[in-house]
C-alpha atoms as a PDB file:
ATOM      1  CA  MET A   1      10.138  -2.308 -12.645  1.00  0.00           C
ATOM      2  CA  ASN A   2      13.840  -3.104 -11.516  1.00  0.00           C
ATOM      3  CA  GLU A   3      13.333   0.412 -10.673  1.00  0.00           C
ATOM      4  CA  ILE A   4      10.457   2.033  -8.424  1.00  0.00           C
ATOM      5  CA  PRO A   5       8.146   4.047 -10.553  1.00  0.00           C
ATOM      6  CA  ARG A   6       8.608   7.591  -8.645  1.00  0.00           C
ATOM      7  CA  ARG A   7       4.890   7.603  -8.471  1.00  0.00           C
ATOM      8  CA  LEU A   8       4.840   4.810  -5.716  1.00  0.00           C
ATOM      9  CA  PHE A   9       6.437   7.394  -3.414  1.00  0.00           C
ATOM     10  CA  GLN A  10       3.361   8.761  -2.040  1.00  0.00           C
ATOM     11  CA  LYS A  11       0.363   8.116   0.309  1.00  0.00           C
ATOM     12  CA  TRP A  12      -2.130   5.469  -1.123  1.00  0.00           C
ATOM     13  CA  TRP A  13      -5.508   4.641   0.244  1.00  0.00           C
ATOM     14  CA  HIS A  14      -7.558   1.643  -0.499  1.00  0.00           C
ATOM     15  CA  SER A  15     -10.256   1.820  -2.696  1.00  0.00           C
ATOM     16  CA  PHE A  16     -11.995  -1.341  -1.663  1.00  0.00           C
ATOM     17  CA  GLU A  17     -15.108  -0.475  -4.324  1.00  0.00           C
ATOM     18  CA  GLU A  18     -13.173  -1.429  -6.886  1.00  0.00           C
ATOM     19  CA  ASP A  19     -11.128  -4.444  -6.098  1.00  0.00           C
ATOM     20  CA  THR A  20     -11.503  -7.309  -8.239  1.00  0.00           C
ATOM     21  CA  GLY A  21     -10.254 -10.987  -8.707  1.00  0.00           C
ATOM     22  CA  GLY A  22      -7.215 -10.769  -6.158  1.00  0.00           C
ATOM     23  CA  VAL A  23      -6.157  -7.201  -7.205  1.00  0.00           C
ATOM     24  CA  THR A  24      -6.111  -4.465  -4.600  1.00  0.00           C
ATOM     25  CA  VAL A  25      -6.428  -1.086  -5.884  1.00  0.00           C
ATOM     26  CA  TYR A  26      -5.184   2.236  -4.271  1.00  0.00           C
ATOM     27  CA  ARG A  27      -5.610   5.941  -5.023  1.00  0.00           C
ATOM     28  CA  PRO A  28      -3.522   8.553  -4.566  1.00  0.00           C
ATOM     29  CA  GLU A  29      -4.543  11.609  -1.037  1.00  0.00           C
ATOM     30  CA  GLY A  30      -7.039  13.828  -2.702  1.00  0.00           C
ATOM     31  CA  TYR A  31      -8.890  11.235  -4.578  1.00  0.00           C
ATOM     32  CA  GLY A  32     -12.728  11.648  -4.343  1.00  0.00           C
ATOM     33  CA  PHE A  33     -13.833   8.422  -2.643  1.00  0.00           C
ATOM     34  CA  PRO A  34     -17.440   7.641  -1.668  1.00  0.00           C
ATOM     35  CA  LEU A  35     -18.259   7.819   1.975  1.00  0.00           C
ATOM     36  CA  ALA A  36     -17.205   4.974   3.528  1.00  0.00           C
ATOM     37  CA  ARG A  37     -16.719   3.622   7.311  1.00  0.00           C
ATOM     38  CA  GLY A  38     -12.768   3.486   7.574  1.00  0.00           C
ATOM     39  CA  ARG A  39     -10.482   3.305   4.817  1.00  0.00           C
ATOM     40  CA  GLY A  40      -6.872   1.802   5.197  1.00  0.00           C
ATOM     41  CA  GLY A  41      -3.874   2.773   3.371  1.00  0.00           C
ATOM     42  CA  MET A  42      -0.045   2.826   2.702  1.00  0.00           C
ATOM     43  CA  GLU A  43       2.629   4.904   1.755  1.00  0.00           C
ATOM     44  CA  PHE A  44       6.450   4.306   0.551  1.00  0.00           C
ATOM     45  CA  LEU A  45       9.278   6.614   1.069  1.00  0.00           C
ATOM     46  CA  THR A  46      12.128   6.926  -0.857  1.00  0.00           C
ATOM     47  CA  ASP A  47      14.453   6.143   2.490  1.00  0.00           C
ATOM     48  CA  GLY A  48      12.875   2.575   2.783  1.00  0.00           C
ATOM     49  CA  THR A  49      10.143   3.621   5.222  1.00  0.00           C
ATOM     50  CA  PHE A  50       6.800   1.861   4.584  1.00  0.00           C
ATOM     51  CA  ILE A  51       3.984   3.306   6.749  1.00  0.00           C
ATOM     52  CA  ASP A  52       0.542   1.196   6.775  1.00  0.00           C
ATOM     53  CA  TYR A  53      -2.228   3.017   7.625  1.00  0.00           C
ATOM     54  CA  LEU A  54      -4.622   0.498   9.006  1.00  0.00           C
ATOM     55  CA  VAL A  55      -8.745   1.121  10.001  1.00  0.00           C
ATOM     56  CA  GLY A  56      -8.825   2.112  13.983  1.00  0.00           C
ATOM     57  CA  PRO A  57     -11.360   1.401  16.721  1.00  0.00           C
ATOM     58  CA  ALA A  58     -12.864   4.545  15.414  1.00  0.00           C
ATOM     59  CA  ASP A  59     -12.577   4.143  11.948  1.00  0.00           C
ATOM     60  CA  ALA A  60      -9.775   6.777  11.511  1.00  0.00           C
ATOM     61  CA  PRO A  61      -6.553   5.442  10.080  1.00  0.00           C
ATOM     62  CA  GLU A  62      -3.741   4.178  12.274  1.00  0.00           C
ATOM     63  CA  SER A  63      -0.077   4.520  11.181  1.00  0.00           C
ATOM     64  CA  VAL A  64       2.559   1.402  11.504  1.00  0.00           C
ATOM     65  CA  ARG A  65       5.777   2.090  10.153  1.00  0.00           C
ATOM     66  CA  GLY A  66       7.865  -0.763   8.731  1.00  0.00           C
ATOM     67  CA  ARG A  67      10.351  -1.069   5.966  1.00  0.00           C
ATOM     68  CA  TRP A  68      10.102  -1.812   2.305  1.00  0.00           C
ATOM     69  CA  ARG A  69      12.331  -3.392  -0.133  1.00  0.00           C
ATOM     70  CA  LEU A  70      12.612  -4.439  -3.817  1.00  0.00           C
ATOM     71  CA  VAL A  71      12.954  -8.443  -4.079  1.00  0.00           C
ATOM     72  CA  GLU A  72      12.497  -8.751  -7.731  1.00  0.00           C
ATOM     73  CA  ASP A  73      10.865  -7.117 -10.803  1.00  0.00           C
ATOM     74  CA  ARG A  74       7.835  -5.908  -9.460  1.00  0.00           C
ATOM     75  CA  ARG A  75       7.799  -7.609  -6.122  1.00  0.00           C
ATOM     76  CA  LEU A  76       7.977  -5.572  -2.841  1.00  0.00           C
ATOM     77  CA  ALA A  77       8.860  -7.233   0.783  1.00  0.00           C
ATOM     78  CA  LEU A  78       7.057  -5.297   3.794  1.00  0.00           C
ATOM     79  CA  SER A  79       8.320  -5.969   6.878  1.00  0.00           C
ATOM     80  CA  PHE A  80       7.744  -4.314  10.334  1.00  0.00           C
ATOM     81  CA  PRO A  81      10.484  -4.738  12.975  1.00  0.00           C
ATOM     82  CA  GLU A  82       9.189  -2.460  15.833  1.00  0.00           C
ATOM     83  CA  ALA A  83       5.285  -3.731  14.951  1.00  0.00           C
ATOM     84  CA  ASP A  84       3.489  -6.552  15.841  1.00  0.00           C
ATOM     85  CA  LEU A  85       2.400  -7.118  12.245  1.00  0.00           C
ATOM     86  CA  PRO A  86       3.686 -10.073   9.783  1.00  0.00           C
ATOM     87  CA  ASP A  87       6.007  -9.390   7.363  1.00  0.00           C
ATOM     88  CA  ARG A  88       4.185  -9.574   3.305  1.00  0.00           C
ATOM     89  CA  GLU A  89       5.127  -9.180   0.059  1.00  0.00           C
ATOM     90  CA  LEU A  90       3.246  -7.443  -2.375  1.00  0.00           C
ATOM     91  CA  GLN A  91       3.459  -7.417  -6.373  1.00  0.00           C
ATOM     92  CA  VAL A  92       3.143  -4.301  -8.183  1.00  0.00           C
ATOM     93  CA  LEU A  93       0.963  -4.571 -11.056  1.00  0.00           C
ATOM     94  CA  SER A  94       0.648  -1.389 -12.253  1.00  0.00           C
ATOM     95  CA  CYS A  95       1.606   2.728 -10.821  1.00  0.00           C
ATOM     96  CA  ASP A  96       0.802   6.128 -12.183  1.00  0.00           C
ATOM     97  CA  ALA A  97      -0.201   9.301 -10.852  1.00  0.00           C
ATOM     98  CA  GLN A  98      -4.015   8.082 -10.723  1.00  0.00           C
ATOM     99  CA  ILE A  99      -3.924   4.357  -9.757  1.00  0.00           C
ATOM    100  CA  LEU A 100      -1.649   1.572  -7.947  1.00  0.00           C
ATOM    101  CA  THR A 101      -2.809  -2.180  -8.387  1.00  0.00           C
ATOM    102  CA  THR A 102      -0.975  -4.593  -6.148  1.00  0.00           C
ATOM    103  CA  ARG A 103      -1.744  -8.093  -5.650  1.00  0.00           C
ATOM    104  CA  ALA A 104      -0.901  -9.850  -2.254  1.00  0.00           C
ATOM    105  CA  THR A 105       1.594 -12.718  -3.247  1.00  0.00           C
ATOM    106  CA  PRO A 106       1.421 -15.750  -1.843  1.00  0.00           C
ATOM    107  CA  GLU A 107       3.189 -17.201   1.350  1.00  0.00           C
END
C-alpha cells in the first residue's frame, strides 16, 4: 500500500459489533447497521483532509477536521492541528468496497 487504495476515500462508520482482537472494523456509508446508540466514523479525502466523526452528547456524530498522511506502507498518521484531539496512527489491514479494517499503532 505505498499508494493509498482508492476505496479508502469515502465515509466509513465504525462497525464495533465486528471488532475483534485489536482490529477495528468500518463499513461504508449506506451499510445496513443494526440499531445502536451512537456510531462514530471517519472520512478520508484525497487532498489530505481527515474527518473524525465522534459520538456527540446526543448520540449524533460530531465532525472534527484533521489531516492524514502516509507514514510508511499501510500506516497513516492522523493529526488535528486545529482541534483538541491527540495525534494518532492507524495501520490499514484491509480496504475494499465493503469493509475497512484497521489497528491502532502503539505510541
